[in-house]
Structure formats: structure tokens, C-alpha cells
Amino acid sequence: MGMYRVFWFSAFVIGYTYLGYPLLLAVWARVGKRPNRKADISADEAWPSISIVLAVRNEAARLPARVENLLQLNYPGPREIIVVSDGSTDRTEYALAAYEGRVLTVEVPAGGKATALNAGVAIATGDILVFADARQQFSSDALLELVANFDDAHVGGVTGELILDSEHGGTESSVGDSVGLYWKYEKWLRRNESAIWSTLGATGAIYAIRHNLWQPLPPDTLLDDVLVPMRVVLDGYRIVFEEKAHAYDCASTDAVSEARRKKRTLAGNYQILGQEPRLLVPVLNPVWLQYLSHKVGRLLVPWALVALFVSSAVLAPAHWFVGLAFWAQFAFYCLAAVGGVLEARDRREFSEQIPAIADSKGVR
């Protein structure tokens, strides 16, 4: 009887996290939508000052184009750009020498992104803090679309929309395609969570908060784009999703890099529970049900998958339905293993072809 409970509870955790909660969210967003007030971006009015903060390490090759993009964005209010070099060794300061007077450069010893962000915010003077990365580019009205949401006093932060090339057929990699599909699903969740009150994090490539709501990050923070927004939510404000503020990027096509990113995300979400245990207290967390369903549920799913497989293996000989579930899982894991082997083989063959391709093009 105990194994039955393990089987069905594990199945419930997995099913609710990836099917039940999205269905609940879809209905909730339809019947309980709470629109936020947004300023008219075409209006001739005073706009708040903003500080754009980039934490970088060895990004000298990308920075000139990134800074040009930020300088050319449409924003009529005061703006400052702060680039914090986190122990860079590629002469980042020389890459930005042409922008002296338009970009503030801060050099700090290598200490991680959180430490670099703390250093950048410490000298920021803007009413609104905008966080960005060196790799992406913003759409022309991205700053306006982000900041317009702060016209609503209940809004403490805004996350923009990261658009990957794989969402529009821009990659030929199964890894890139799967990342694009997952990202579409994730954005759908954020859009609907924003509609009912608040998203449960932000897109690290493009988000903004009110300066007075900033709290310095612990130096070892892995996911600033979750911890910062959730602290704003715990203070009673909304984090809204602005789908007209775009950042553009390429999806990862490297399975190893993508696996590393997922492990970091998983570890970061565990870490946040220790940094902000208030998130688990219903009376303190305004989005407790959403957080439990979206974030904590995903932390439980790996354990639930193991428990489901083991319990179904034990119960399979006695019950045809559980046996069917076991063999379905077994087949899925076998296919995943074969896919991983084929992906590794393709990467190895490609790397072996690089010298020949270089020779054929006369590259030495």
C-alpha cells in the first residue's frame, strides 16, 4: 500500500507541475485578470531617470556594439550606463575608452555577478534600475516600454521579453529547438502570472526595478533575476511582464552548456529558499500558490521522477496499468539516452571536421 501512495503522489506532483498548474493559471488569468496602468509612450511628458547596469567579465569584443545599442535606444528621460568589469583580463576598459563621458566604468576584483551588480547599483543615480547583459541587443523602444509600467504605483519591477532565434526557426540544432520550445512555454507562464498579479522572476537579459526597492545581493547569489524580483514581491509590489520590450539572443546549441545552465538554475532555486524562507509562508508571500506550483514544484519533479520509476518497477508485475507506466518510462529514458549519444557523436564529428574546413578555406 505504501508503494501505491508513492506512485500516485509522484505522478500527481509531475502532472500538476506541468499540466495542472498551467490549466489552473489559464482559467485564473481569464477570470481574475488585474491590468496595470501604463503611461502613454507617445506622450510628451517627463520621464524618470534610469541607470542601466551591466555586469561583465571578459566581454571586450561585444561591448562596443552593446553600448552603441543602448545609446541609440529611444528614451527621452535622463539615462546613465554603468559597466562593471568583474575581474576582466581582456582590457575591457580600453574597449570602452571611446565612450568616456557617456559610460561609467567600474572595475572590481573577480567576485561573481552579484558582487558586480552591487557595485554598479552603489553608484547608480537613476530612479529606475535597468539590468542588461553584454550579449543581447534591445529593441528601439525597449526602455520606454519597460519604464511606462512604473506609472502604476503597485508595480515595483518589470521584465521584458527575451526573443531567441530558435523561436523563429533560426537554428538547425535539436538542442536549440528544444530550448526555444521551452522558452515559449516559460513566457506563457510569466505572461499569465503577470496578468493575475506578478511573475515569479525576471528575464536576466532585460528587467527593471524601482531603485528604492533594491536590496544588496549576497555575494554567492546564483540567480539575481529571481531573487531581486521576489524580494520586490515580498515588499508588496508587482513584477509585470512587458512583451513589447524585447531583447534578442541566440539559443544555445551546445547540449553540455545547456545542461550546465539547467543545473545552475536548479541550484539557484534551492539557494533562494535559504536566502528568502519567507517565500514559503503564505501570509508573507502574495504569490505563494504560484511560487509553490511553479518554482518549488520543479524542484520536486526530479525526485518525483525517480520515485515514480522505482515504485512502478516494484508494482509492475502485479498491476497492468502500473506495468504500462513502467515500460513507457523505460522506453522514454532509453530514447533520451540514444538521443544524447547521437548528439555527442555529432559534436565530435563536427569538431574533427573543423581542421579540414579551415584548410579548404585557406585558414592557417
Protein backbone atom coordinates (compact mmCIF):
# COMPACT_ATOMS: atom_id res chain seq x y z
CA MET A 1 0.00 0.00 0.00
CA GLY A 2 2.91 2.33 0.76
CA MET A 3 4.35 1.90 -2.75
CA TYR A 4 0.95 2.76 -4.25
CA ARG A 5 0.96 6.04 -2.40
CA VAL A 6 4.48 6.80 -3.60
CA PHE A 7 3.46 6.01 -7.19
CA TRP A 8 0.33 8.16 -7.24
CA PHE A 9 1.82 11.04 -5.25
CA SER A 10 4.81 11.17 -7.61
CA ALA A 11 2.50 11.10 -10.62
CA PHE A 12 0.44 13.91 -9.09
CA VAL A 13 3.49 16.13 -8.47
CA ILE A 14 4.67 15.72 -12.07
CA GLY A 15 1.21 16.07 -13.59
CA TYR A 16 0.23 19.10 -11.52
CA THR A 17 3.51 20.93 -12.13
CA TYR A 18 3.46 20.63 -15.93
CA LEU A 19 -0.24 20.23 -16.71
CA GLY A 20 -2.49 21.01 -13.73
CA TYR A 21 -0.89 24.34 -12.80
CA PRO A 22 -0.85 25.71 -16.38
CA LEU A 23 -4.54 24.80 -16.73
CA LEU A 24 -5.34 26.47 -13.40
CA LEU A 25 -3.32 29.51 -14.46
CA ALA A 26 -5.10 29.78 -17.81
CA VAL A 27 -8.52 29.86 -16.12
CA TRP A 28 -7.31 32.19 -13.33
CA ALA A 29 -5.86 34.68 -15.79
CA ARG A 30 -9.15 34.73 -17.72
CA VAL A 31 -11.45 35.29 -14.74
CA GLY A 32 -9.16 37.19 -12.34
CA LYS A 33 -7.04 39.39 -14.59
CA ARG A 34 -5.64 42.55 -12.93
CA PRO A 35 -4.42 45.02 -15.57
CA ASN A 36 -1.77 47.53 -14.59
CA ARG A 37 -1.73 51.19 -15.59
CA LYS A 38 0.85 52.09 -18.20
CA ALA A 39 1.99 55.53 -19.36
CA ASP A 40 1.45 56.52 -22.99
CA ILE A 41 4.89 56.21 -24.58
CA SER A 42 3.95 58.73 -27.27
CA ALA A 43 3.03 61.43 -24.74
CA ASP A 44 5.29 64.45 -24.35
CA GLU A 45 5.93 64.24 -20.62
CA ALA A 46 8.75 63.98 -18.11
CA TRP A 47 10.24 60.51 -17.83
CA PRO A 48 12.09 59.19 -14.76
CA SER A 49 15.86 58.93 -14.79
CA ILE A 50 17.26 55.46 -15.41
CA SER A 51 20.53 53.69 -14.69
CA ILE A 52 21.41 50.78 -16.99
CA VAL A 53 23.72 48.35 -15.19
CA LEU A 54 25.79 45.68 -16.97
CA ALA A 55 27.97 43.23 -15.06
CA VAL A 56 30.58 41.81 -17.43
CA ARG A 57 33.61 39.57 -17.41
CA ASN A 58 35.89 39.41 -20.46
CA GLU A 59 33.28 40.83 -22.84
CA ALA A 60 35.51 43.44 -24.52
CA ALA A 61 34.74 42.12 -28.00
CA ARG A 62 30.97 42.54 -27.52
CA LEU A 63 30.85 45.76 -25.50
CA PRO A 64 31.23 48.45 -28.22
CA ALA A 65 28.23 47.13 -30.18
CA ARG A 66 26.25 46.66 -26.98
CA VAL A 67 26.95 50.20 -25.77
CA GLU A 68 26.05 51.62 -29.19
CA ASN A 69 22.73 49.79 -28.99
CA LEU A 70 21.99 51.20 -25.53
CA LEU A 71 22.94 54.75 -26.55
CA GLN A 72 20.71 54.68 -29.62
CA LEU A 73 17.58 53.47 -27.83
CA ASN A 74 14.58 55.75 -27.80
CA TYR A 75 14.26 57.23 -24.31
CA PRO A 76 13.60 60.94 -23.67
CA GLY A 77 14.48 60.90 -19.96
CA PRO A 78 17.92 61.08 -18.32
CA ARG A 79 19.93 57.87 -18.62
CA GLU A 80 23.29 56.60 -17.50
CA ILE A 81 25.11 53.43 -18.48
CA ILE A 82 27.23 51.67 -15.88
CA VAL A 83 29.52 48.81 -16.91
CA VAL A 84 31.04 46.83 -14.05
CA SER A 85 34.06 44.75 -15.02
CA ASP A 86 34.12 41.70 -12.74
CA GLY A 87 37.84 40.88 -12.73
CA SER A 88 38.11 41.03 -16.54
CA THR A 89 41.52 40.28 -18.05
CA ASP A 90 40.77 41.30 -21.66
CA ARG A 91 41.39 45.06 -21.26
CA THR A 92 37.69 45.88 -21.02
CA GLU A 93 38.48 49.49 -20.12
CA TYR A 94 40.20 50.00 -23.49
CA ALA A 95 37.17 48.65 -25.36
CA LEU A 96 35.12 51.39 -23.68
CA ALA A 97 37.67 54.22 -23.97
CA ALA A 98 35.79 55.76 -26.90
CA TYR A 99 32.71 56.16 -24.66
CA GLU A 100 34.35 58.12 -21.88
CA GLY A 101 31.85 60.61 -20.53
CA ARG A 102 28.90 58.54 -21.76
CA VAL A 103 29.60 55.29 -19.94
CA LEU A 104 30.70 54.85 -16.34
CA THR A 105 33.18 52.01 -15.97
CA VAL A 106 33.77 50.30 -12.64
CA GLU A 107 36.46 47.67 -12.10
CA VAL A 108 36.12 45.24 -9.21
CA PRO A 109 38.09 42.09 -8.30
CA ALA A 110 36.54 38.89 -9.62
CA GLY A 111 33.75 38.07 -7.20
CA GLY A 112 30.79 36.98 -9.30
CA LYS A 113 27.86 38.70 -10.92
CA ALA A 114 26.07 39.54 -7.67
CA THR A 115 29.07 41.44 -6.32
CA ALA A 116 29.42 43.31 -9.61
CA LEU A 117 25.75 44.29 -9.59
CA ASN A 118 26.05 45.56 -6.03
CA ALA A 119 28.99 47.73 -7.11
CA GLY A 120 27.08 49.10 -10.08
CA VAL A 121 23.94 49.94 -8.15
CA ALA A 122 26.04 51.59 -5.42
CA ILE A 123 26.96 54.41 -7.82
CA ALA A 124 23.70 54.49 -9.80
CA THR A 125 21.67 57.69 -9.56
CA GLY A 126 18.59 56.79 -11.62
CA ASP A 127 15.09 56.41 -10.20
CA ILE A 128 14.78 53.17 -12.17
CA LEU A 129 17.45 50.46 -12.39
CA VAL A 130 17.60 48.58 -15.69
CA PHE A 131 19.64 45.37 -15.79
CA ALA A 132 21.09 44.01 -19.01
CA ASP A 133 23.77 41.63 -20.31
CA ALA A 134 26.53 42.22 -22.84
CA ARG A 135 25.39 39.54 -25.26
CA GLN A 136 21.91 40.70 -26.27
CA GLN A 137 20.53 43.70 -28.18
CA PHE A 138 17.41 45.69 -27.19
CA SER A 139 14.58 46.77 -29.48
CA SER A 140 14.44 50.52 -30.13
CA ASP A 141 11.56 51.24 -27.71
CA ALA A 142 12.53 48.67 -25.07
CA LEU A 143 13.39 51.25 -22.39
CA LEU A 144 10.19 53.21 -22.97
CA GLU A 145 8.04 50.07 -22.83
CA LEU A 146 9.71 48.93 -19.61
CA VAL A 147 9.57 52.27 -17.78
CA ALA A 148 6.00 53.09 -18.87
CA ASN A 149 4.76 50.38 -16.49
CA PHE A 150 6.10 52.26 -13.46
CA ASP A 151 3.27 54.76 -13.93
CA ASP A 152 1.33 52.25 -11.81
CA ALA A 153 2.28 52.70 -8.15
CA HIS A 154 1.71 48.97 -7.49
CA VAL A 155 4.40 47.98 -9.99
CA GLY A 156 7.82 47.54 -8.43
CA GLY A 157 9.52 45.82 -11.34
CA VAL A 158 9.12 44.93 -15.00
CA THR A 159 10.59 42.08 -17.01
CA GLY A 160 10.93 42.34 -20.77
CA GLU A 161 10.69 39.56 -23.32
CA LEU A 162 13.76 37.66 -24.49
CA ILE A 163 13.33 36.51 -28.07
CA LEU A 164 15.51 33.61 -29.21
CA ASP A 165 16.34 32.90 -32.83
CA SER A 166 15.14 29.31 -32.36
CA GLU A 167 11.61 30.58 -31.77
CA HIS A 168 11.51 31.51 -35.46
CA GLY A 169 13.42 28.60 -36.97
CA GLY A 170 16.81 30.26 -36.60
CA THR A 171 18.74 27.15 -35.54
CA GLU A 172 19.34 23.70 -37.01
CA SER A 173 20.09 22.08 -33.66
CA SER A 174 17.75 19.83 -31.72
CA VAL A 175 19.14 21.42 -28.55
CA GLY A 176 18.37 24.93 -29.83
CA ASP A 177 14.88 23.90 -30.93
CA SER A 178 14.09 22.35 -27.54
CA VAL A 179 15.37 25.48 -25.76
CA GLY A 180 13.14 27.63 -27.96
CA LEU A 181 10.09 25.47 -27.26
CA TYR A 182 10.73 25.50 -23.51
CA TRP A 183 11.23 29.28 -23.56
CA LYS A 184 7.88 29.80 -25.31
CA TYR A 185 6.21 27.73 -22.57
CA GLU A 186 8.04 29.68 -19.84
CA LYS A 187 7.00 33.03 -21.32
CA TRP A 188 3.39 31.85 -21.50
CA LEU A 189 3.53 31.10 -17.76
CA ARG A 190 5.06 34.51 -16.99
CA ARG A 191 2.50 36.32 -19.12
CA ASN A 192 -0.37 34.71 -17.25
CA GLU A 193 1.23 35.04 -13.81
CA SER A 194 1.73 38.73 -14.54
CA ALA A 195 -1.92 39.04 -15.51
CA ILE A 196 -3.18 37.80 -12.15
CA TRP A 197 -0.61 39.66 -10.05
CA SER A 198 3.11 39.07 -10.52
CA THR A 199 5.69 36.97 -12.34
CA LEU A 200 7.99 34.81 -10.20
CA GLY A 201 11.22 36.13 -11.62
CA ALA A 202 12.57 38.17 -14.48
CA THR A 203 14.49 37.70 -17.69
CA GLY A 204 18.09 38.41 -16.69
CA ALA A 205 18.78 39.97 -20.10
CA ILE A 206 16.17 42.71 -19.66
CA TYR A 207 14.44 43.76 -16.45
CA ALA A 208 13.99 46.86 -14.31
CA ILE A 209 13.03 47.74 -10.73
CA ARG A 210 12.47 50.88 -8.72
CA HIS A 211 15.81 51.98 -7.25
CA ASN A 212 14.38 52.39 -3.75
CA LEU A 213 13.36 48.70 -3.73
CA TRP A 214 16.87 47.39 -4.37
CA GLN A 215 18.47 45.28 -1.65
CA PRO A 216 22.16 44.32 -1.94
CA LEU A 217 22.63 40.74 -3.09
CA PRO A 218 24.53 38.08 -1.13
CA PRO A 219 27.88 37.61 -2.93
CA ASP A 220 27.23 33.95 -3.78
CA THR A 221 23.81 34.57 -5.39
CA LEU A 222 23.32 32.39 -8.47
CA LEU A 223 20.01 33.78 -9.78
CA ASP A 224 19.83 37.55 -9.33
CA ASP A 225 16.94 37.65 -11.82
CA VAL A 226 14.82 35.57 -9.43
CA LEU A 227 16.00 36.83 -6.03
CA VAL A 228 15.73 40.55 -6.89
CA PRO A 229 12.15 40.33 -8.26
CA MET A 230 10.93 38.04 -5.48
CA ARG A 231 12.21 40.47 -2.85
CA VAL A 232 10.20 43.19 -4.60
CA VAL A 233 7.12 40.95 -4.47
CA LEU A 234 7.68 40.23 -0.78
CA ASP A 235 7.65 44.01 -0.25
CA GLY A 236 4.11 44.07 -1.65
CA TYR A 237 4.75 45.18 -5.23
CA ARG A 238 4.07 43.56 -8.59
CA ILE A 239 6.58 42.35 -11.15
CA VAL A 240 4.85 42.59 -14.52
CA PHE A 241 5.71 41.09 -17.88
CA GLU A 242 6.11 43.59 -20.72
CA GLU A 243 6.00 41.75 -24.04
CA LYS A 244 6.75 44.89 -26.08
CA ALA A 245 10.21 45.34 -24.51
CA HIS A 246 12.40 42.97 -26.50
CA ALA A 247 15.92 41.64 -26.08
CA TYR A 248 17.29 39.44 -28.85
CA ASP A 249 19.61 36.47 -28.43
CA CYS A 250 20.70 33.17 -29.98
CA ALA A 251 19.60 29.92 -28.37
CA SER A 252 22.32 27.61 -27.09
CA THR A 253 23.08 24.74 -29.48
CA ASP A 254 25.53 23.05 -27.13
CA ALA A 255 23.99 20.27 -25.04
CA VAL A 256 26.78 20.47 -22.47
CA SER A 257 26.36 24.23 -21.98
CA GLU A 258 22.59 23.88 -21.80
CA ALA A 259 22.88 21.12 -19.17
CA ARG A 260 25.24 23.33 -17.17
CA ARG A 261 22.76 26.21 -17.33
CA LYS A 262 19.91 23.98 -16.12
CA LYS A 263 21.99 22.70 -13.19
CA ARG A 264 22.84 26.27 -12.23
CA THR A 265 19.16 27.24 -12.39
CA LEU A 266 18.16 24.28 -10.24
CA ALA A 267 20.87 25.03 -7.68
CA GLY A 268 19.93 28.72 -7.69
CA ASN A 269 16.29 27.99 -6.91
CA TYR A 270 17.32 25.79 -3.98
CA GLN A 271 19.61 28.58 -2.80
CA ILE A 272 16.80 31.16 -2.88
CA LEU A 273 14.74 29.09 -0.45
CA GLY A 274 17.58 29.51 2.03
CA GLN A 275 18.06 33.21 1.23
CA GLU A 276 14.36 34.07 1.46
CA PRO A 277 12.47 31.44 3.51
CA ARG A 278 9.56 33.93 3.68
CA LEU A 279 8.65 32.72 0.18
CA LEU A 280 7.29 29.52 1.75
CA VAL A 281 4.99 31.36 4.18
CA PRO A 282 1.51 32.02 2.71
CA VAL A 283 0.76 35.16 4.77
CA LEU A 284 4.09 36.75 3.79
CA ASN A 285 4.24 35.80 0.12
CA PRO A 286 1.46 37.37 -2.01
CA VAL A 287 2.12 34.80 -4.77
CA TRP A 288 2.58 31.79 -2.51
CA LEU A 289 0.43 29.38 -4.54
CA GLN A 290 2.10 30.39 -7.81
CA TYR A 291 5.57 30.11 -6.26
CA LEU A 292 4.83 26.69 -4.79
CA SER A 293 3.38 25.47 -8.09
CA HIS A 294 5.93 26.96 -10.48
CA LYS A 295 9.24 27.06 -8.61
CA VAL A 296 9.01 24.55 -5.76
CA GLY A 297 7.11 22.08 -7.95
CA ARG A 298 10.02 21.99 -10.39
CA LEU A 299 12.44 21.32 -7.56
CA LEU A 300 10.35 18.31 -6.56
CA VAL A 301 9.90 16.90 -10.08
CA PRO A 302 13.35 15.21 -10.40
CA TRP A 303 12.78 13.40 -7.11
CA ALA A 304 9.22 12.53 -8.16
CA LEU A 305 10.51 11.05 -11.44
CA VAL A 306 12.91 8.78 -9.56
CA ALA A 307 10.19 7.76 -7.09
CA LEU A 308 7.73 7.10 -9.93
CA PHE A 309 10.19 4.89 -11.81
CA VAL A 310 11.19 2.87 -8.75
CA SER A 311 7.64 2.43 -7.45
CA SER A 312 6.30 1.45 -10.88
CA ALA A 313 9.14 -1.09 -11.28
CA VAL A 314 8.22 -2.70 -7.95
CA LEU A 315 4.47 -2.72 -8.66
CA ALA A 316 4.62 -3.60 -12.38
CA PRO A 317 4.37 -7.42 -12.03
CA ALA A 318 1.12 -7.17 -10.06
CA HIS A 319 -0.78 -4.43 -11.94
CA TRP A 320 -1.10 -3.98 -15.69
CA PHE A 321 -1.61 -0.21 -15.53
CA VAL A 322 1.46 0.39 -13.40
CA GLY A 323 3.37 -2.02 -15.61
CA LEU A 324 2.38 0.01 -18.67
CA ALA A 325 3.56 3.16 -16.91
CA PHE A 326 6.88 1.49 -16.09
CA TRP A 327 7.57 0.37 -19.67
CA ALA A 328 6.56 3.80 -21.01
CA GLN A 329 9.11 5.41 -18.69
CA PHE A 330 11.73 2.81 -19.60
CA ALA A 331 11.24 3.46 -23.32
CA PHE A 332 11.40 7.23 -22.80
CA TYR A 333 14.68 7.04 -20.89
CA CYS A 334 16.17 4.71 -23.49
CA LEU A 335 15.23 7.12 -26.30
CA ALA A 336 16.69 10.02 -24.31
CA ALA A 337 19.93 8.08 -23.83
CA VAL A 338 20.14 7.29 -27.56
CA GLY A 339 19.50 10.95 -28.37
CA GLY A 340 22.29 12.01 -26.03
CA VAL A 341 24.73 9.55 -27.63
CA LEU A 342 23.83 10.76 -31.15
CA GLU A 343 24.18 14.41 -30.10
CA ALA A 344 27.62 13.70 -28.61
CA ARG A 345 28.66 11.85 -31.77
CA ASP A 346 27.55 14.76 -33.98
CA ARG A 347 29.54 17.22 -31.86
CA ARG A 348 32.63 15.01 -32.02
CA GLU A 349 32.37 14.59 -35.80
CA PHE A 350 31.92 18.33 -36.28
CA SER A 351 34.95 19.14 -34.13
CA GLU A 352 37.01 16.64 -36.15
CA GLN A 353 35.93 18.34 -39.40
CA ILE A 354 36.99 21.84 -38.31
CA PRO A 355 40.68 21.47 -39.33
CA ALA A 356 39.66 20.17 -42.77
CA ILE A 357 37.18 23.01 -43.25
CA ALA A 358 39.84 25.54 -42.23
CA ASP A 359 42.34 24.04 -44.69
CA SER A 360 39.81 24.11 -47.53
CA LYS A 361 39.27 27.82 -46.93
CA GLY A 362 42.96 28.56 -46.67
CA VAL A 363 42.83 29.37 -42.95
CA ARG A 364 46.06 28.66 -41.07
